Amino acid sequence: MFVSLTRYGLRELIIFGVPVAIGLGFTIVFFPWVIPIPAFLLMFLFNFFRDPERNPPRGEGLIIAPADGTVTHIVTVFEDSYLKCETTKISIFMSVLNVHVNRMPAKGCVEFVRHTNGKFLDARDDECFSSNENNIVGLSLIGSNAKIAVKQIAGKIARRIVCACKAGDSFEQGQRFGMIKFGSRVEVFVPKSVTFEVIVKVGDKVTAGKTVLGRMHKSGQ
């Protein structure tokens, strides 16, 4: 079966995948009893950097998951980087077994991108929200006056955030915009000034580009 791999992982696939593949060939010829070790490593790399196609749902006001994983928090917080207001924050934890390519939760234009260096605490640690290395993207939604923010947070194992966008770029809903390499967290912020119906709940498994996190309603709806 053909496995689609992300271009964001090309460097790691070359650095680690090529030696492992060579090692697998070597063990097949000389040490067949060791085959499971390089075979497992190669399968892990392919599994981690896989990038399946996704068809985002259609519907006005939908905010979809930017990452595969588990919803860990749905809370009210003040987002002080871009939105600068009270927001509904939905946090998604990605394990090393999840697809790690990140996708835009809505159609919009990037107005703000900021990378902040920090710690590498476990992505399930409550302190990681404010202390870990992170990258935040501010998005002005097309066809609406609303704005949202997406935050990529590095974890204990993850040491590299890839954000392939800059201010002025336009994205379709569900379009790829980066990834976090190894276990990590992605958060979505929606201003409280917007009527936002959260559909998911803590503990739900979500899929980037497919699962609807919630729906934004126009005033009076």
Protein backbone atom coordinates (compact mmCIF):
# COMPACT_ATOMS: atom_id res chain seq x y z
CA MET A 1 0.00 0.00 0.00
CA PHE A 2 1.31 3.48 -0.92
CA VAL A 3 1.95 5.75 2.07
CA SER A 4 1.90 9.50 1.45
CA LEU A 5 4.68 11.21 3.44
CA THR A 6 4.85 14.86 4.44
CA ARG A 7 7.40 17.19 2.85
CA TYR A 8 7.93 18.69 6.32
CA GLY A 9 9.70 15.49 7.36
CA LEU A 10 12.01 15.14 4.34
CA ARG A 11 15.12 16.06 6.35
CA GLU A 12 14.46 13.46 9.07
CA LEU A 13 13.47 10.81 6.55
CA ILE A 14 16.81 11.24 4.75
CA ILE A 15 18.97 11.53 7.89
CA PHE A 16 17.37 8.62 9.73
CA GLY A 17 15.48 6.65 7.10
CA VAL A 18 18.35 6.05 4.67
CA PRO A 19 20.75 4.56 7.29
CA VAL A 20 17.93 2.45 8.75
CA ALA A 21 16.99 1.15 5.28
CA ILE A 22 20.64 0.31 4.57
CA GLY A 23 20.85 -1.39 7.96
CA LEU A 24 17.74 -3.40 7.18
CA GLY A 25 19.29 -4.62 3.93
CA PHE A 26 22.50 -5.50 5.77
CA THR A 27 20.67 -7.51 8.45
CA ILE A 28 18.61 -9.36 5.84
CA VAL A 29 21.84 -10.64 4.26
CA PHE A 30 24.04 -11.20 7.32
CA PHE A 31 21.95 -11.14 10.54
CA PRO A 32 18.34 -12.11 9.71
CA TRP A 33 17.47 -12.60 13.40
CA VAL A 34 18.00 -8.83 13.93
CA ILE A 35 15.59 -7.80 11.14
CA PRO A 36 12.73 -6.77 13.53
CA ILE A 37 14.80 -3.89 14.96
CA PRO A 38 15.52 -1.85 11.78
CA ALA A 39 12.14 -2.89 10.36
CA PHE A 40 10.39 -1.43 13.41
CA LEU A 41 12.40 1.80 13.21
CA LEU A 42 11.61 2.21 9.51
CA MET A 43 7.91 1.56 10.12
CA PHE A 44 7.91 4.11 12.96
CA LEU A 45 9.41 6.79 10.69
CA PHE A 46 6.91 6.11 7.90
CA ASN A 47 4.05 6.06 10.40
CA PHE A 48 5.07 9.32 12.07
CA PHE A 49 5.65 11.29 8.88
CA ARG A 50 2.61 9.96 7.03
CA ASP A 51 0.35 12.59 5.51
CA PRO A 52 -3.00 11.16 4.39
CA GLU A 53 -5.38 13.17 2.24
CA ARG A 54 -8.32 14.68 4.10
CA ASN A 55 -11.63 16.06 2.81
CA PRO A 56 -12.80 18.85 5.14
CA PRO A 57 -16.52 19.08 5.94
CA ARG A 58 -18.53 21.87 4.30
CA GLY A 59 -20.68 24.29 6.23
CA GLU A 60 -20.86 27.93 7.22
CA GLY A 61 -19.05 28.88 10.41
CA LEU A 62 -17.39 25.49 11.00
CA ILE A 63 -14.13 25.37 12.95
CA ILE A 64 -12.38 22.06 12.34
CA ALA A 65 -9.55 20.30 14.15
CA PRO A 66 -6.03 21.52 13.26
CA ALA A 67 -4.45 18.32 14.59
CA ASP A 68 -5.06 14.62 15.14
CA GLY A 69 -5.27 13.62 18.78
CA THR A 70 -7.33 13.87 21.96
CA VAL A 71 -9.20 16.92 23.26
CA THR A 72 -7.71 17.64 26.68
CA HIS A 73 -9.05 21.10 27.56
CA ILE A 74 -12.02 23.30 26.69
CA VAL A 75 -11.59 26.41 28.81
CA THR A 76 -11.95 30.17 28.87
CA VAL A 77 -8.61 32.02 28.72
CA PHE A 78 -7.32 35.47 27.82
CA GLU A 79 -5.29 35.21 24.59
CA ASP A 80 -2.77 38.05 24.82
CA SER A 81 -0.66 37.61 21.66
CA TYR A 82 -3.05 38.26 18.78
CA LEU A 83 -6.71 38.32 19.77
CA LYS A 84 -6.09 40.14 23.08
CA CYS A 85 -9.44 39.15 24.54
CA GLU A 86 -11.27 36.40 26.43
CA THR A 87 -11.49 33.29 24.29
CA THR A 88 -12.71 29.71 24.23
CA LYS A 89 -9.60 27.55 24.00
CA ILE A 90 -9.71 23.97 22.73
CA SER A 91 -6.51 21.98 23.29
CA ILE A 92 -5.59 18.82 21.37
CA PHE A 93 -2.82 16.47 22.55
CA MET A 94 -0.96 14.52 19.86
CA SER A 95 0.80 11.29 20.78
CA VAL A 96 3.71 9.92 18.75
CA LEU A 97 1.24 7.58 17.02
CA ASN A 98 -0.89 10.41 15.61
CA VAL A 99 -0.46 12.13 12.24
CA HIS A 100 1.49 15.29 13.10
CA VAL A 101 0.74 17.46 10.07
CA ASN A 102 -1.27 20.54 11.14
CA ARG A 103 -4.17 21.98 9.12
CA MET A 104 -5.97 25.30 9.16
CA PRO A 105 -9.22 25.13 11.16
CA ALA A 106 -10.94 27.70 8.92
CA LYS A 107 -10.55 29.57 5.65
CA GLY A 108 -8.72 32.82 6.23
CA CYS A 109 -5.80 35.17 5.81
CA VAL A 110 -2.79 35.01 8.12
CA GLU A 111 -2.35 38.32 9.92
CA PHE A 112 0.08 37.34 12.65
CA VAL A 113 2.82 34.74 13.22
CA ARG A 114 5.05 34.65 16.28
CA HIS A 115 7.51 32.00 17.47
CA THR A 116 8.48 31.95 21.15
CA ASN A 117 11.37 29.92 22.56
CA GLY A 118 10.76 28.09 25.81
CA LYS A 119 10.89 24.86 27.77
CA PHE A 120 10.11 21.34 26.57
CA LEU A 121 7.78 20.12 29.31
CA ASP A 122 5.47 17.17 28.72
CA ALA A 123 2.64 18.39 26.45
CA ARG A 124 0.13 17.03 29.00
CA ASP A 125 1.59 19.24 31.74
CA ASP A 126 -0.62 22.26 32.53
CA GLU A 127 2.44 24.53 32.67
CA CYS A 128 3.33 23.75 29.05
CA PHE A 129 0.63 26.20 27.86
CA SER A 130 2.68 29.19 28.98
CA SER A 131 6.23 27.83 29.34
CA ASN A 132 6.95 25.62 26.32
CA GLU A 133 8.36 26.64 22.97
CA ASN A 134 5.42 27.58 20.78
CA ASN A 135 4.26 29.22 17.57
CA ILE A 136 1.02 31.17 17.28
CA VAL A 137 -0.80 32.02 14.06
CA GLY A 138 -3.50 34.70 13.91
CA LEU A 139 -6.12 34.17 11.23
CA SER A 140 -8.69 36.63 9.89
CA LEU A 141 -11.56 34.53 8.55
CA ILE A 142 -12.59 35.09 4.94
CA GLY A 143 -16.28 35.91 4.56
CA SER A 144 -16.54 36.95 8.20
CA ASN A 145 -15.36 39.71 10.53
CA ALA A 146 -14.21 37.09 13.01
CA LYS A 147 -10.65 36.20 13.92
CA ILE A 148 -9.20 33.09 15.54
CA ALA A 149 -5.75 31.92 16.63
CA VAL A 150 -3.97 28.58 16.34
CA LYS A 151 -1.08 27.72 18.66
CA GLN A 152 1.49 24.96 18.06
CA ILE A 153 3.20 23.86 21.30
CA ALA A 154 6.33 21.72 21.45
CA GLY A 155 6.36 18.82 23.90
CA LYS A 156 8.91 16.87 25.93
CA ILE A 157 10.00 14.82 22.90
CA ALA A 158 9.08 17.33 20.19
CA ARG A 159 11.91 19.78 19.61
CA ARG A 160 10.95 21.34 16.31
CA ILE A 161 7.87 23.27 15.25
CA VAL A 162 7.35 23.74 11.52
CA CYS A 163 5.12 26.65 10.49
CA ALA A 164 4.98 27.06 6.72
CA CYS A 165 3.08 30.33 6.65
CA LYS A 166 3.65 34.06 7.02
CA ALA A 167 1.55 37.19 7.36
CA GLY A 168 -0.40 37.82 4.17
CA ASP A 169 -0.79 34.16 3.20
CA SER A 170 -4.32 32.87 2.52
CA PHE A 171 -5.38 29.33 3.39
CA GLU A 172 -8.33 27.13 2.62
CA GLN A 173 -10.01 25.31 5.46
CA GLY A 174 -8.15 22.06 6.12
CA GLN A 175 -5.07 23.14 4.17
CA ARG A 176 -1.70 22.04 5.59
CA PHE A 177 0.32 24.77 7.28
CA GLY A 178 3.00 22.91 9.26
CA MET A 179 3.66 20.18 11.79
CA ILE A 180 5.21 19.49 15.19
CA LYS A 181 7.77 16.72 15.24
CA PHE A 182 6.89 14.06 17.85
CA GLY A 183 4.47 14.29 20.82
CA SER A 184 3.00 17.76 21.21
CA ARG A 185 -0.13 19.95 21.46
CA VAL A 186 -2.16 22.29 19.24
CA GLU A 187 -4.71 24.81 20.49
CA VAL A 188 -7.49 26.83 18.86
CA PHE A 189 -8.70 30.15 20.31
CA VAL A 190 -12.12 31.62 19.43
CA PRO A 191 -13.09 35.05 20.87
CA LYS A 192 -15.91 35.08 23.42
CA SER A 193 -17.41 37.99 21.48
CA VAL A 194 -18.34 35.45 18.80
CA THR A 195 -21.26 33.09 19.33
CA PHE A 196 -19.44 29.76 19.23
CA GLU A 197 -21.12 26.41 19.77
CA VAL A 198 -18.56 23.83 20.91
CA ILE A 199 -19.43 20.39 19.55
CA VAL A 200 -16.58 18.26 20.94
CA LYS A 201 -15.93 17.43 24.58
CA VAL A 202 -12.85 16.60 26.66
CA GLY A 203 -11.66 13.09 25.88
CA ASP A 204 -12.90 13.04 22.29
CA LYS A 205 -10.58 11.76 19.56
CA VAL A 206 -10.33 14.23 16.68
CA THR A 207 -8.89 14.16 13.16
CA ALA A 208 -7.17 17.15 11.54
CA GLY A 209 -9.08 18.54 8.59
CA LYS A 210 -12.15 16.38 9.31
CA THR A 211 -13.52 16.66 12.86
CA VAL A 212 -15.71 19.69 13.58
CA LEU A 213 -14.71 21.32 16.87
CA GLY A 214 -17.57 23.82 16.84
CA ARG A 215 -19.69 26.22 14.84
CA MET A 216 -19.59 30.00 14.81
CA HIS A 217 -23.04 31.58 14.55
CA LYS A 218 -23.92 34.98 13.24
CA SER A 219 -25.56 37.41 15.65
CA GLY A 220 -29.22 36.55 16.16
CA GLN A 221 -28.88 32.91 15.15
